PDB file of N, CA and C in Angstrom:
ATOM      1  N   GLN A   1     -32.139  -0.859   0.507  1.00  0.00           N
ATOM      2  CA  GLN A   1     -32.578   0.045  -0.540  1.00  0.00           C
ATOM      3  C   GLN A   1     -31.477   1.024  -0.950  1.00  0.00           C
ATOM      4  N   VAL A   2     -30.452   1.165  -0.135  1.00  0.00           N
ATOM      5  CA  VAL A   2     -29.346   2.062  -0.482  1.00  0.00           C
ATOM      6  C   VAL A   2     -28.671   1.553  -1.745  1.00  0.00           C
ATOM      7  N   GLN A   3     -28.478   2.451  -2.679  1.00  0.00           N
ATOM      8  CA  GLN A   3     -27.857   2.089  -3.937  1.00  0.00           C
ATOM      9  C   GLN A   3     -26.968   3.222  -4.426  1.00  0.00           C
ATOM     10  N   LEU A   4     -25.769   2.865  -4.872  1.00  0.00           N
ATOM     11  CA  LEU A   4     -24.833   3.823  -5.441  1.00  0.00           C
ATOM     12  C   LEU A   4     -24.538   3.394  -6.869  1.00  0.00           C
ATOM     13  N   VAL A   5     -24.716   4.311  -7.799  1.00  0.00           N
ATOM     14  CA  VAL A   5     -24.519   4.002  -9.205  1.00  0.00           C
ATOM     15  C   VAL A   5     -23.479   4.942  -9.786  1.00  0.00           C
ATOM     16  N   GLU A   6     -22.357   4.370 -10.222  1.00  0.00           N
ATOM     17  CA  GLU A   6     -21.289   5.152 -10.828  1.00  0.00           C
ATOM     18  C   GLU A   6     -21.482   5.241 -12.338  1.00  0.00           C
ATOM     19  N   SER A   7     -20.995   6.331 -12.907  1.00  0.00           N
ATOM     20  CA  SER A   7     -21.030   6.505 -14.344  1.00  0.00           C
ATOM     21  C   SER A   7     -19.872   7.397 -14.769  1.00  0.00           C
ATOM     22  N   GLY A   8     -19.575   7.402 -16.053  1.00  0.00           N
ATOM     23  CA  GLY A   8     -18.558   8.282 -16.591  1.00  0.00           C
ATOM     24  C   GLY A   8     -17.238   7.627 -16.914  1.00  0.00           C
ATOM     25  N   GLY A   9     -17.085   6.362 -16.589  1.00  0.00           N
ATOM     26  CA  GLY A   9     -15.846   5.679 -16.893  1.00  0.00           C
ATOM     27  C   GLY A   9     -15.693   5.440 -18.381  1.00  0.00           C
ATOM     28  N   GLY A  10     -14.479   5.098 -18.781  1.00  0.00           N
ATOM     29  CA  GLY A  10     -14.224   4.838 -20.182  1.00  0.00           C
ATOM     30  C   GLY A  10     -12.753   4.829 -20.499  1.00  0.00           C
ATOM     31  N   LEU A  11     -12.455   4.910 -21.779  1.00  0.00           N
ATOM     32  CA  LEU A  11     -11.083   4.906 -22.276  1.00  0.00           C
ATOM     33  C   LEU A  11     -10.654   6.322 -22.619  1.00  0.00           C
ATOM     34  N   VAL A  12      -9.485   6.709 -22.133  1.00  0.00           N
ATOM     35  CA  VAL A  12      -8.964   8.040 -22.391  1.00  0.00           C
ATOM     36  C   VAL A  12      -7.452   7.963 -22.583  1.00  0.00           C
ATOM     37  N   GLN A  13      -6.913   8.858 -23.385  1.00  0.00           N
ATOM     38  CA  GLN A  13      -5.474   8.890 -23.612  1.00  0.00           C
ATOM     39  C   GLN A  13      -4.744   9.572 -22.466  1.00  0.00           C
ATOM     40  N   PRO A  14      -3.484   9.221 -22.246  1.00  0.00           N
ATOM     41  CA  PRO A  14      -2.698   9.911 -21.218  1.00  0.00           C
ATOM     42  C   PRO A  14      -2.741  11.418 -21.418  1.00  0.00           C
ATOM     43  N   GLY A  15      -2.899  12.138 -20.316  1.00  0.00           N
ATOM     44  CA  GLY A  15      -3.019  13.582 -20.372  1.00  0.00           C
ATOM     45  C   GLY A  15      -4.438  14.070 -20.541  1.00  0.00           C
ATOM     46  N   GLY A  16      -5.346  13.164 -20.802  1.00  0.00           N
ATOM     47  CA  GLY A  16      -6.734  13.523 -20.994  1.00  0.00           C
ATOM     48  C   GLY A  16      -7.488  13.662 -19.686  1.00  0.00           C
ATOM     49  N   SER A  17      -8.776  13.915 -19.809  1.00  0.00           N
ATOM     50  CA  SER A  17      -9.633  14.135 -18.650  1.00  0.00           C
ATOM     51  C   SER A  17     -10.872  13.260 -18.713  1.00  0.00           C
ATOM     52  N   LEU A  18     -11.416  13.014 -17.548  1.00  0.00           N
ATOM     53  CA  LEU A  18     -12.625  12.225 -17.422  1.00  0.00           C
ATOM     54  C   LEU A  18     -13.342  12.676 -16.161  1.00  0.00           C
ATOM     55  N   ARG A  19     -14.655  12.622 -16.183  1.00  0.00           N
ATOM     56  CA  ARG A  19     -15.432  13.002 -15.010  1.00  0.00           C
ATOM     57  C   ARG A  19     -16.346  11.852 -14.609  1.00  0.00           C
ATOM     58  N   LEU A  20     -16.173  11.387 -13.391  1.00  0.00           N
ATOM     59  CA  LEU A  20     -17.003  10.329 -12.849  1.00  0.00           C
ATOM     60  C   LEU A  20     -18.107  10.924 -11.988  1.00  0.00           C
ATOM     61  N   SER A  21     -19.227  10.240 -11.956  1.00  0.00           N
ATOM     62  CA  SER A  21     -20.335  10.680 -11.143  1.00  0.00           C
ATOM     63  C   SER A  21     -20.928   9.491 -10.405  1.00  0.00           C
ATOM     64  N   CYS A  22     -21.352   9.726  -9.193  1.00  0.00           N
ATOM     65  CA  CYS A  22     -21.984   8.690  -8.384  1.00  0.00           C
ATOM     66  C   CYS A  22     -23.286   9.242  -7.821  1.00  0.00           C
ATOM     67  N   ALA A  23     -24.368   8.579  -8.134  1.00  0.00           N
ATOM     68  CA  ALA A  23     -25.677   8.973  -7.642  1.00  0.00           C
ATOM     69  C   ALA A  23     -26.131   8.000  -6.565  1.00  0.00           C
ATOM     70  N   ALA A  24     -26.433   8.527  -5.398  1.00  0.00           N
ATOM     71  CA  ALA A  24     -26.879   7.712  -4.282  1.00  0.00           C
ATOM     72  C   ALA A  24     -28.385   7.828  -4.109  1.00  0.00           C
ATOM     73  N   SER A  25     -29.005   6.712  -3.819  1.00  0.00           N
ATOM     74  CA  SER A  25     -30.436   6.697  -3.560  1.00  0.00           C
ATOM     75  C   SER A  25     -30.715   5.849  -2.328  1.00  0.00           C
ATOM     76  N   GLY A  26     -31.862   6.067  -1.732  1.00  0.00           N
ATOM     77  CA  GLY A  26     -32.231   5.320  -0.548  1.00  0.00           C
ATOM     78  C   GLY A  26     -31.472   5.720   0.701  1.00  0.00           C
ATOM     79  N   ILE A  27     -30.856   6.907   0.680  1.00  0.00           N
ATOM     80  CA  ILE A  27     -30.082   7.390   1.819  1.00  0.00           C
ATOM     81  C   ILE A  27     -31.026   8.010   2.849  1.00  0.00           C
ATOM     82  N   VAL A  28     -31.151   7.370   3.984  1.00  0.00           N
ATOM     83  CA  VAL A  28     -32.015   7.869   5.050  1.00  0.00           C
ATOM     84  C   VAL A  28     -31.221   8.234   6.292  1.00  0.00           C
ATOM     85  N   PHE A  29     -29.940   7.945   6.308  1.00  0.00           N
ATOM     86  CA  PHE A  29     -29.077   8.261   7.425  1.00  0.00           C
ATOM     87  C   PHE A  29     -28.346   9.574   7.167  1.00  0.00           C
ATOM     88  N   ARG A  30     -27.716  10.092   8.192  1.00  0.00           N
ATOM     89  CA  ARG A  30     -26.936  11.310   8.038  1.00  0.00           C
ATOM     90  C   ARG A  30     -25.580  10.975   7.431  1.00  0.00           C
ATOM     91  N   VAL A  31     -25.302  11.576   6.297  1.00  0.00           N
ATOM     92  CA  VAL A  31     -24.066  11.300   5.578  1.00  0.00           C
ATOM     93  C   VAL A  31     -22.898  12.045   6.205  1.00  0.00           C
ATOM     94  N   TYR A  32     -21.819  11.313   6.426  1.00  0.00           N
ATOM     95  CA  TYR A  32     -20.597  11.938   6.904  1.00  0.00           C
ATOM     96  C   TYR A  32     -19.653  12.256   5.743  1.00  0.00           C
ATOM     97  N   SER A  33     -19.475  11.288   4.856  1.00  0.00           N
ATOM     98  CA  SER A  33     -18.571  11.497   3.742  1.00  0.00           C
ATOM     99  C   SER A  33     -19.045  10.755   2.502  1.00  0.00           C
ATOM    100  N   MET A  34     -18.620  11.263   1.374  1.00  0.00           N
ATOM    101  CA  MET A  34     -18.779  10.581   0.102  1.00  0.00           C
ATOM    102  C   MET A  34     -17.403  10.587  -0.554  1.00  0.00           C
ATOM    103  N   GLY A  35     -17.063   9.503  -1.198  1.00  0.00           N
ATOM    104  CA  GLY A  35     -15.725   9.447  -1.748  1.00  0.00           C
ATOM    105  C   GLY A  35     -15.547   8.404  -2.824  1.00  0.00           C
ATOM    106  N   TRP A  36     -14.296   8.281  -3.245  1.00  0.00           N
ATOM    107  CA  TRP A  36     -13.925   7.368  -4.306  1.00  0.00           C
ATOM    108  C   TRP A  36     -12.709   6.553  -3.923  1.00  0.00           C
ATOM    109  N   TYR A  37     -12.752   5.290  -4.266  1.00  0.00           N
ATOM    110  CA  TYR A  37     -11.629   4.385  -4.141  1.00  0.00           C
ATOM    111  C   TYR A  37     -11.416   3.718  -5.489  1.00  0.00           C
ATOM    112  N   ARG A  38     -10.257   3.129  -5.680  1.00  0.00           N
ATOM    113  CA  ARG A  38     -10.008   2.436  -6.927  1.00  0.00           C
ATOM    114  C   ARG A  38      -9.202   1.175  -6.676  1.00  0.00           C
ATOM    115  N   GLN A  39      -9.311   0.250  -7.606  1.00  0.00           N
ATOM    116  CA  GLN A  39      -8.581  -0.992  -7.500  1.00  0.00           C
ATOM    117  C   GLN A  39      -8.148  -1.455  -8.885  1.00  0.00           C
ATOM    118  N   ALA A  40      -6.848  -1.623  -9.047  1.00  0.00           N
ATOM    119  CA  ALA A  40      -6.277  -2.127 -10.282  1.00  0.00           C
ATOM    120  C   ALA A  40      -5.978  -3.611 -10.115  1.00  0.00           C
ATOM    121  N   PRO A  41      -5.911  -4.356 -11.213  1.00  0.00           N
ATOM    122  CA  PRO A  41      -5.612  -5.788 -11.122  1.00  0.00           C
ATOM    123  C   PRO A  41      -4.321  -6.050 -10.355  1.00  0.00           C
ATOM    124  N   GLY A  42      -4.386  -6.962  -9.403  1.00  0.00           N
ATOM    125  CA  GLY A  42      -3.212  -7.323  -8.632  1.00  0.00           C
ATOM    126  C   GLY A  42      -2.844  -6.349  -7.533  1.00  0.00           C
ATOM    127  N   ARG A  43      -3.650  -5.329  -7.319  1.00  0.00           N
ATOM    128  CA  ARG A  43      -3.358  -4.340  -6.294  1.00  0.00           C
ATOM    129  C   ARG A  43      -4.514  -4.235  -5.303  1.00  0.00           C
ATOM    130  N   ARG A  44      -4.213  -3.773  -4.125  1.00  0.00           N
ATOM    131  CA  ARG A  44      -5.232  -3.569  -3.115  1.00  0.00           C
ATOM    132  C   ARG A  44      -6.065  -2.336  -3.448  1.00  0.00           C
ATOM    133  N   ARG A  45      -7.219  -2.260  -2.857  1.00  0.00           N
ATOM    134  CA  ARG A  45      -8.057  -1.086  -3.042  1.00  0.00           C
ATOM    135  C   ARG A  45      -7.349   0.151  -2.474  1.00  0.00           C
ATOM    136  N   GLU A  46      -7.376   1.237  -3.231  1.00  0.00           N
ATOM    137  CA  GLU A  46      -6.637   2.443  -2.904  1.00  0.00           C
ATOM    138  C   GLU A  46      -7.576   3.626  -2.713  1.00  0.00           C
ATOM    139  N   PHE A  47      -7.327   4.400  -1.684  1.00  0.00           N
ATOM    140  CA  PHE A  47      -8.090   5.618  -1.454  1.00  0.00           C
ATOM    141  C   PHE A  47      -7.754   6.656  -2.507  1.00  0.00           C
ATOM    142  N   VAL A  48      -8.775   7.288  -3.068  1.00  0.00           N
ATOM    143  CA  VAL A  48      -8.582   8.304  -4.093  1.00  0.00           C
ATOM    144  C   VAL A  48      -8.941   9.685  -3.570  1.00  0.00           C
ATOM    145  N   ALA A  49     -10.166   9.842  -3.101  1.00  0.00           N
ATOM    146  CA  ALA A  49     -10.623  11.147  -2.630  1.00  0.00           C
ATOM    147  C   ALA A  49     -11.885  10.988  -1.801  1.00  0.00           C
ATOM    148  N   ALA A  50     -12.102  11.928  -0.898  1.00  0.00           N
ATOM    149  CA  ALA A  50     -13.314  11.948  -0.099  1.00  0.00           C
ATOM    150  C   ALA A  50     -13.663  13.382   0.251  1.00  0.00           C
ATOM    151  N   ILE A  51     -14.933  13.598   0.519  1.00  0.00           N
ATOM    152  CA  ILE A  51     -15.392  14.937   0.864  1.00  0.00           C
ATOM    153  C   ILE A  51     -16.406  14.868   1.993  1.00  0.00           C
ATOM    154  N   THR A  52     -16.230  15.744   2.978  1.00  0.00           N
ATOM    155  CA  THR A  52     -17.166  15.903   4.072  1.00  0.00           C
ATOM    156  C   THR A  52     -17.709  17.325   4.015  1.00  0.00           C
ATOM    157  N   ASN A  53     -18.455  17.713   5.033  1.00  0.00           N
ATOM    158  CA  ASN A  53     -18.960  19.078   5.074  1.00  0.00           C
ATOM    159  C   ASN A  53     -17.852  20.100   5.311  1.00  0.00           C
ATOM    160  N   SER A  54     -16.719  19.647   5.821  1.00  0.00           N
ATOM    161  CA  SER A  54     -15.676  20.576   6.219  1.00  0.00           C
ATOM    162  C   SER A  54     -14.395  20.510   5.400  1.00  0.00           C
ATOM    163  N   ARG A  55     -14.158  19.423   4.700  1.00  0.00           N
ATOM    164  CA  ARG A  55     -12.884  19.301   4.012  1.00  0.00           C
ATOM    165  C   ARG A  55     -12.930  18.273   2.899  1.00  0.00           C
ATOM    166  N   THR A  56     -11.896  18.314   2.084  1.00  0.00           N
ATOM    167  CA  THR A  56     -11.661  17.297   1.076  1.00  0.00           C
ATOM    168  C   THR A  56     -10.303  16.671   1.331  1.00  0.00           C
ATOM    169  N   ASP A  57     -10.193  15.407   0.988  1.00  0.00           N
ATOM    170  CA  ASP A  57      -8.939  14.688   1.140  1.00  0.00           C
ATOM    171  C   ASP A  57      -8.645  13.929  -0.136  1.00  0.00           C
ATOM    172  N   TYR A  58      -7.363  13.836  -0.468  1.00  0.00           N
ATOM    173  CA  TYR A  58      -6.943  13.152  -1.676  1.00  0.00           C
ATOM    174  C   TYR A  58      -5.790  12.218  -1.395  1.00  0.00           C
ATOM    175  N   GLY A  59      -5.772  11.128  -2.138  1.00  0.00           N
ATOM    176  CA  GLY A  59      -4.620  10.269  -2.087  1.00  0.00           C
ATOM    177  C   GLY A  59      -3.420  10.969  -2.695  1.00  0.00           C
ATOM    178  N   ASP A  60      -2.236  10.622  -2.214  1.00  0.00           N
ATOM    179  CA  ASP A  60      -1.029  11.301  -2.676  1.00  0.00           C
ATOM    180  C   ASP A  60      -0.838  11.196  -4.189  1.00  0.00           C
ATOM    181  N   SER A  61      -1.226  10.095  -4.761  1.00  0.00           N
ATOM    182  CA  SER A  61      -0.988   9.869  -6.176  1.00  0.00           C
ATOM    183  C   SER A  61      -1.869  10.712  -7.096  1.00  0.00           C
ATOM    184  N   VAL A  62      -2.927  11.312  -6.553  1.00  0.00           N
ATOM    185  CA  VAL A  62      -3.846  12.070  -7.397  1.00  0.00           C
ATOM    186  C   VAL A  62      -3.919  13.545  -7.025  1.00  0.00           C
ATOM    187  N   LYS A  63      -3.225  13.960  -5.993  1.00  0.00           N
ATOM    188  CA  LYS A  63      -3.252  15.355  -5.576  1.00  0.00           C
ATOM    189  C   LYS A  63      -2.792  16.273  -6.704  1.00  0.00           C
ATOM    190  N   GLY A  64      -3.555  17.333  -6.911  1.00  0.00           N
ATOM    191  CA  GLY A  64      -3.238  18.278  -7.957  1.00  0.00           C
ATOM    192  C   GLY A  64      -3.811  17.924  -9.305  1.00  0.00           C
ATOM    193  N   ARG A  65      -4.335  16.718  -9.443  1.00  0.00           N
ATOM    194  CA  ARG A  65      -4.888  16.274 -10.715  1.00  0.00           C
ATOM    195  C   ARG A  65      -6.385  15.979 -10.650  1.00  0.00           C
ATOM    196  N   PHE A  66      -6.853  15.510  -9.504  1.00  0.00           N
ATOM    197  CA  PHE A  66      -8.261  15.153  -9.337  1.00  0.00           C
ATOM    198  C   PHE A  66      -8.951  16.152  -8.418  1.00  0.00           C
ATOM    199  N   THR A  67     -10.234  16.361  -8.651  1.00  0.00           N
ATOM    200  CA  THR A  67     -11.034  17.239  -7.818  1.00  0.00           C
ATOM    201  C   THR A  67     -12.362  16.566  -7.502  1.00  0.00           C
ATOM    202  N   ILE A  68     -12.686  16.490  -6.217  1.00  0.00           N
ATOM    203  CA  ILE A  68     -13.938  15.875  -5.801  1.00  0.00           C
ATOM    204  C   ILE A  68     -14.939  16.955  -5.410  1.00  0.00           C
ATOM    205  N   SER A  69     -16.203  16.704  -5.687  1.00  0.00           N
ATOM    206  CA  SER A  69     -17.268  17.622  -5.311  1.00  0.00           C
ATOM    207  C   SER A  69     -18.525  16.825  -5.005  1.00  0.00           C
ATOM    208  N   ARG A  70     -19.450  17.452  -4.298  1.00  0.00           N
ATOM    209  CA  ARG A  70     -20.681  16.755  -3.943  1.00  0.00           C
ATOM    210  C   ARG A  70     -21.856  17.713  -3.877  1.00  0.00           C
ATOM    211  N   ASP A  71     -23.017  17.155  -4.054  1.00  0.00           N
ATOM    212  CA  ASP A  71     -24.269  17.870  -3.890  1.00  0.00           C
ATOM    213  C   ASP A  71     -24.986  17.189  -2.736  1.00  0.00           C
ATOM    214  N   ASN A  72     -25.062  17.858  -1.611  1.00  0.00           N
ATOM    215  CA  ASN A  72     -25.625  17.248  -0.417  1.00  0.00           C
ATOM    216  C   ASN A  72     -27.122  16.975  -0.531  1.00  0.00           C
ATOM    217  N   VAL A  73     -27.803  17.765  -1.333  1.00  0.00           N
ATOM    218  CA  VAL A  73     -29.236  17.573  -1.504  1.00  0.00           C
ATOM    219  C   VAL A  73     -29.522  16.410  -2.429  1.00  0.00           C
ATOM    220  N   LYS A  74     -28.860  16.407  -3.570  1.00  0.00           N
ATOM    221  CA  LYS A  74     -29.067  15.345  -4.548  1.00  0.00           C
ATOM    222  C   LYS A  74     -28.346  14.058  -4.186  1.00  0.00           C
ATOM    223  N   LYS A  75     -27.423  14.148  -3.243  1.00  0.00           N
ATOM    224  CA  LYS A  75     -26.615  13.000  -2.842  1.00  0.00           C
ATOM    225  C   LYS A  75     -25.829  12.458  -4.042  1.00  0.00           C
ATOM    226  N   VAL A  76     -25.136  13.355  -4.681  1.00  0.00           N
ATOM    227  CA  VAL A  76     -24.288  13.025  -5.823  1.00  0.00           C
ATOM    228  C   VAL A  76     -22.863  13.453  -5.523  1.00  0.00           C
ATOM    229  N   VAL A  77     -21.918  12.603  -5.842  1.00  0.00           N
ATOM    230  CA  VAL A  77     -20.512  12.945  -5.696  1.00  0.00           C
ATOM    231  C   VAL A  77     -19.822  12.738  -7.038  1.00  0.00           C
ATOM    232  N   ASP A  78     -19.041  13.726  -7.441  1.00  0.00           N
ATOM    233  CA  ASP A  78     -18.337  13.678  -8.713  1.00  0.00           C
ATOM    234  C   ASP A  78     -16.839  13.662  -8.488  1.00  0.00           C
ATOM    235  N   LEU A  79     -16.141  13.162  -9.468  1.00  0.00           N
ATOM    236  CA  LEU A  79     -14.686  13.166  -9.439  1.00  0.00           C
ATOM    237  C   LEU A  79     -14.185  13.628 -10.795  1.00  0.00           C
ATOM    238  N   GLN A  80     -13.643  14.833 -10.827  1.00  0.00           N
ATOM    239  CA  GLN A  80     -13.046  15.363 -12.038  1.00  0.00           C
ATOM    240  C   GLN A  80     -11.595  14.925 -12.087  1.00  0.00           C
ATOM    241  N   MET A  81     -11.237  14.199 -13.121  1.00  0.00           N
ATOM    242  CA  MET A  81      -9.897  13.656 -13.252  1.00  0.00           C
ATOM    243  C   MET A  81      -9.210  14.306 -14.444  1.00  0.00           C
ATOM    244  N   ASP A  82      -8.134  15.018 -14.171  1.00  0.00           N
ATOM    245  CA  ASP A  82      -7.368  15.694 -15.206  1.00  0.00           C
ATOM    246  C   ASP A  82      -5.952  15.132 -15.266  1.00  0.00           C
ATOM    247  N   ASN A  83      -5.305  15.359 -16.394  1.00  0.00           N
ATOM    248  CA  ASN A  83      -3.937  14.885 -16.594  1.00  0.00           C
ATOM    249  C   ASN A  83      -3.802  13.414 -16.221  1.00  0.00           C
ATOM    250  N   LEU A  84      -4.670  12.626 -16.773  1.00  0.00           N
ATOM    251  CA  LEU A  84      -4.690  11.205 -16.441  1.00  0.00           C
ATOM    252  C   LEU A  84      -3.434  10.493 -16.910  1.00  0.00           C
ATOM    253  N   LYS A  85      -3.033   9.520 -16.116  1.00  0.00           N
ATOM    254  CA  LYS A  85      -1.842   8.732 -16.383  1.00  0.00           C
ATOM    255  C   LYS A  85      -2.218   7.261 -16.509  1.00  0.00           C
ATOM    256  N   PRO A  86      -1.400   6.472 -17.191  1.00  0.00           N
ATOM    257  CA  PRO A  86      -1.692   5.044 -17.306  1.00  0.00           C
ATOM    258  C   PRO A  86      -1.885   4.362 -15.956  1.00  0.00           C
ATOM    259  N   GLU A  87      -1.168   4.802 -14.936  1.00  0.00           N
ATOM    260  CA  GLU A  87      -1.294   4.206 -13.621  1.00  0.00           C
ATOM    261  C   GLU A  87      -2.618   4.522 -12.935  1.00  0.00           C
ATOM    262  N   ASP A  88      -3.411   5.402 -13.534  1.00  0.00           N
ATOM    263  CA  ASP A  88      -4.750   5.667 -13.018  1.00  0.00           C
ATOM    264  C   ASP A  88      -5.751   4.608 -13.462  1.00  0.00           C
ATOM    265  N   THR A  89      -5.333   3.740 -14.358  1.00  0.00           N
ATOM    266  CA  THR A  89      -6.212   2.688 -14.838  1.00  0.00           C
ATOM    267  C   THR A  89      -6.648   1.790 -13.687  1.00  0.00           C
ATOM    268  N   ALA A  90      -7.948   1.672 -13.505  1.00  0.00           N
ATOM    269  CA  ALA A  90      -8.491   0.889 -12.400  1.00  0.00           C
ATOM    270  C   ALA A  90     -10.009   0.903 -12.476  1.00  0.00           C
ATOM    271  N   VAL A  91     -10.616   0.097 -11.639  1.00  0.00           N
ATOM    272  CA  VAL A  91     -12.046   0.196 -11.414  1.00  0.00           C
ATOM    273  C   VAL A  91     -12.245   1.168 -10.263  1.00  0.00           C
ATOM    274  N   TYR A  92     -13.071   2.160 -10.484  1.00  0.00           N
ATOM    275  CA  TYR A  92     -13.318   3.192  -9.481  1.00  0.00           C
ATOM    276  C   TYR A  92     -14.646   2.934  -8.786  1.00  0.00           C
ATOM    277  N   TYR A  93     -14.605   2.950  -7.460  1.00  0.00           N
ATOM    278  CA  TYR A  93     -15.774   2.653  -6.646  1.00  0.00           C
ATOM    279  C   TYR A  93     -16.208   3.861  -5.838  1.00  0.00           C
ATOM    280  N   CYS A  94     -17.488   4.110  -5.841  1.00  0.00           N
ATOM    281  CA  CYS A  94     -18.073   5.164  -5.025  1.00  0.00           C
ATOM    282  C   CYS A  94     -18.351   4.636  -3.623  1.00  0.00           C
ATOM    283  N   ASN A  95     -18.154   5.482  -2.628  1.00  0.00           N
ATOM    284  CA  ASN A  95     -18.377   5.100  -1.242  1.00  0.00           C
ATOM    285  C   ASN A  95     -19.126   6.199  -0.501  1.00  0.00           C
ATOM    286  N   VAL A  96     -20.094   5.791   0.312  1.00  0.00           N
ATOM    287  CA  VAL A  96     -20.831   6.723   1.165  1.00  0.00           C
ATOM    288  C   VAL A  96     -20.832   6.175   2.582  1.00  0.00           C
ATOM    289  N   ARG A  97     -20.490   7.032   3.528  1.00  0.00           N
ATOM    290  CA  ARG A  97     -20.463   6.639   4.929  1.00  0.00           C
ATOM    291  C   ARG A  97     -21.315   7.583   5.765  1.00  0.00           C
ATOM    292  N   GLY A  98     -22.034   7.007   6.719  1.00  0.00           N
ATOM    293  CA  GLY A  98     -22.843   7.792   7.625  1.00  0.00           C
ATOM    294  C   GLY A  98     -22.075   8.162   8.873  1.00  0.00           C
ATOM    295  N   THR A  99     -22.659   9.049   9.655  1.00  0.00           N
ATOM    296  CA  THR A  99     -22.016   9.465  10.896  1.00  0.00           C
ATOM    297  C   THR A  99     -21.926   8.319  11.894  1.00  0.00           C
ATOM    298  N   ASN A 100     -22.740   7.313  11.697  1.00  0.00           N
ATOM    299  CA  ASN A 100     -22.728   6.151  12.576  1.00  0.00           C
ATOM    300  C   ASN A 100     -21.974   4.970  11.955  1.00  0.00           C
ATOM    301  N   TRP A 101     -21.039   5.270  11.055  1.00  0.00           N
ATOM    302  CA  TRP A 101     -20.269   4.174  10.454  1.00  0.00           C
ATOM    303  C   TRP A 101     -19.591   3.356  11.545  1.00  0.00           C
ATOM    304  N   PRO A 102     -19.321   2.085  11.373  1.00  0.00           N
ATOM    305  CA  PRO A 102     -19.478   1.309  10.137  1.00  0.00           C
ATOM    306  C   PRO A 102     -20.873   0.747   9.912  1.00  0.00           C
ATOM    307  N   GLU A 103     -21.835   1.165  10.726  1.00  0.00           N
ATOM    308  CA  GLU A 103     -23.193   0.686  10.537  1.00  0.00           C
ATOM    309  C   GLU A 103     -23.715   1.095   9.165  1.00  0.00           C
ATOM    310  N   ASP A 104     -23.371   2.298   8.734  1.00  0.00           N
ATOM    311  CA  ASP A 104     -23.762   2.787   7.418  1.00  0.00           C
ATOM    312  C   ASP A 104     -22.512   3.040   6.595  1.00  0.00           C
ATOM    313  N   ASP A 105     -22.213   2.108   5.711  1.00  0.00           N
ATOM    314  CA  ASP A 105     -21.025   2.152   4.870  1.00  0.00           C
ATOM    315  C   ASP A 105     -21.366   1.401   3.587  1.00  0.00           C
ATOM    316  N   TYR A 106     -21.508   2.125   2.491  1.00  0.00           N
ATOM    317  CA  TYR A 106     -22.020   1.526   1.266  1.00  0.00           C
ATOM    318  C   TYR A 106     -21.112   1.780   0.084  1.00  0.00           C
ATOM    319  N   TRP A 107     -21.159   0.852  -0.854  1.00  0.00           N
ATOM    320  CA  TRP A 107     -20.287   0.881  -2.022  1.00  0.00           C
ATOM    321  C   TRP A 107     -21.066   0.671  -3.306  1.00  0.00           C
ATOM    322  N   GLY A 108     -20.603   1.322  -4.364  1.00  0.00           N
ATOM    323  CA  GLY A 108     -21.137   1.079  -5.684  1.00  0.00           C
ATOM    324  C   GLY A 108     -20.473  -0.132  -6.310  1.00  0.00           C
ATOM    325  N   GLN A 109     -20.911  -0.488  -7.491  1.00  0.00           N
ATOM    326  CA  GLN A 109     -20.374  -1.656  -8.178  1.00  0.00           C
ATOM    327  C   GLN A 109     -19.125  -1.354  -8.993  1.00  0.00           C
ATOM    328  N   GLY A 110     -18.825  -0.094  -9.183  1.00  0.00           N
ATOM    329  CA  GLY A 110     -17.596   0.293  -9.846  1.00  0.00           C
ATOM    330  C   GLY A 110     -17.771   0.654 -11.307  1.00  0.00           C
ATOM    331  N   THR A 111     -16.866   1.494 -11.787  1.00  0.00           N
ATOM    332  CA  THR A 111     -16.823   1.859 -13.192  1.00  0.00           C
ATOM    333  C   THR A 111     -15.372   1.819 -13.663  1.00  0.00           C
ATOM    334  N   GLN A 112     -15.154   1.255 -14.833  1.00  0.00           N
ATOM    335  CA  GLN A 112     -13.804   1.057 -15.346  1.00  0.00           C
ATOM    336  C   GLN A 112     -13.261   2.331 -15.973  1.00  0.00           C
ATOM    337  N   VAL A 113     -12.045   2.679 -15.587  1.00  0.00           N
ATOM    338  CA  VAL A 113     -11.308   3.779 -16.200  1.00  0.00           C
ATOM    339  C   VAL A 113     -10.019   3.207 -16.777  1.00  0.00           C
ATOM    340  N   THR A 114      -9.816   3.410 -18.058  1.00  0.00           N
ATOM    341  CA  THR A 114      -8.617   2.919 -18.723  1.00  0.00           C
ATOM    342  C   THR A 114      -7.900   4.082 -19.389  1.00  0.00           C
ATOM    343  N   VAL A 115      -6.639   4.275 -19.030  1.00  0.00           N
ATOM    344  CA  VAL A 115      -5.822   5.344 -19.592  1.00  0.00           C
ATOM    345  C   VAL A 115      -4.737   4.694 -20.435  1.00  0.00           C
ATOM    346  N   SER A 116      -4.835   4.874 -21.734  1.00  0.00           N
ATOM    347  CA  SER A 116      -3.918   4.201 -22.644  1.00  0.00           C
ATOM    348  C   SER A 116      -3.840   4.939 -23.965  1.00  0.00           C
ATOM    349  N   SER A 117      -2.671   4.828 -24.608  1.00  0.00           N
ATOM    350  CA  SER A 117      -2.494   5.404 -25.928  1.00  0.00           C
ATOM    351  C   SER A 117      -3.036   4.495 -27.011  1.00  0.00           C
TER     352      SER A 117
END
């Protein structure tokens, strides 16, 4: 019943901004982290950002440009993306992990982000 639904992807020009949102449902376990990964054609899946109760972490390529936030009650995680670059083009996937991972480790279906002039 666990389901993660991403939204907010689309086409944006370099230097522009986009905000992604992931809504989780069916979560009955204790959440440890919520985060985002991305995958571009021909490349491996890349860590983008994650948030726990105590800290946030970002991939080196997005530090200073992306901001992750979450609502622990609503089980929603957002990713504010600023100063987007063409190399940010990828499918972005939402991820939720429980304290008992890898038993509880779930992924969304992804949302396309394209940065192009």
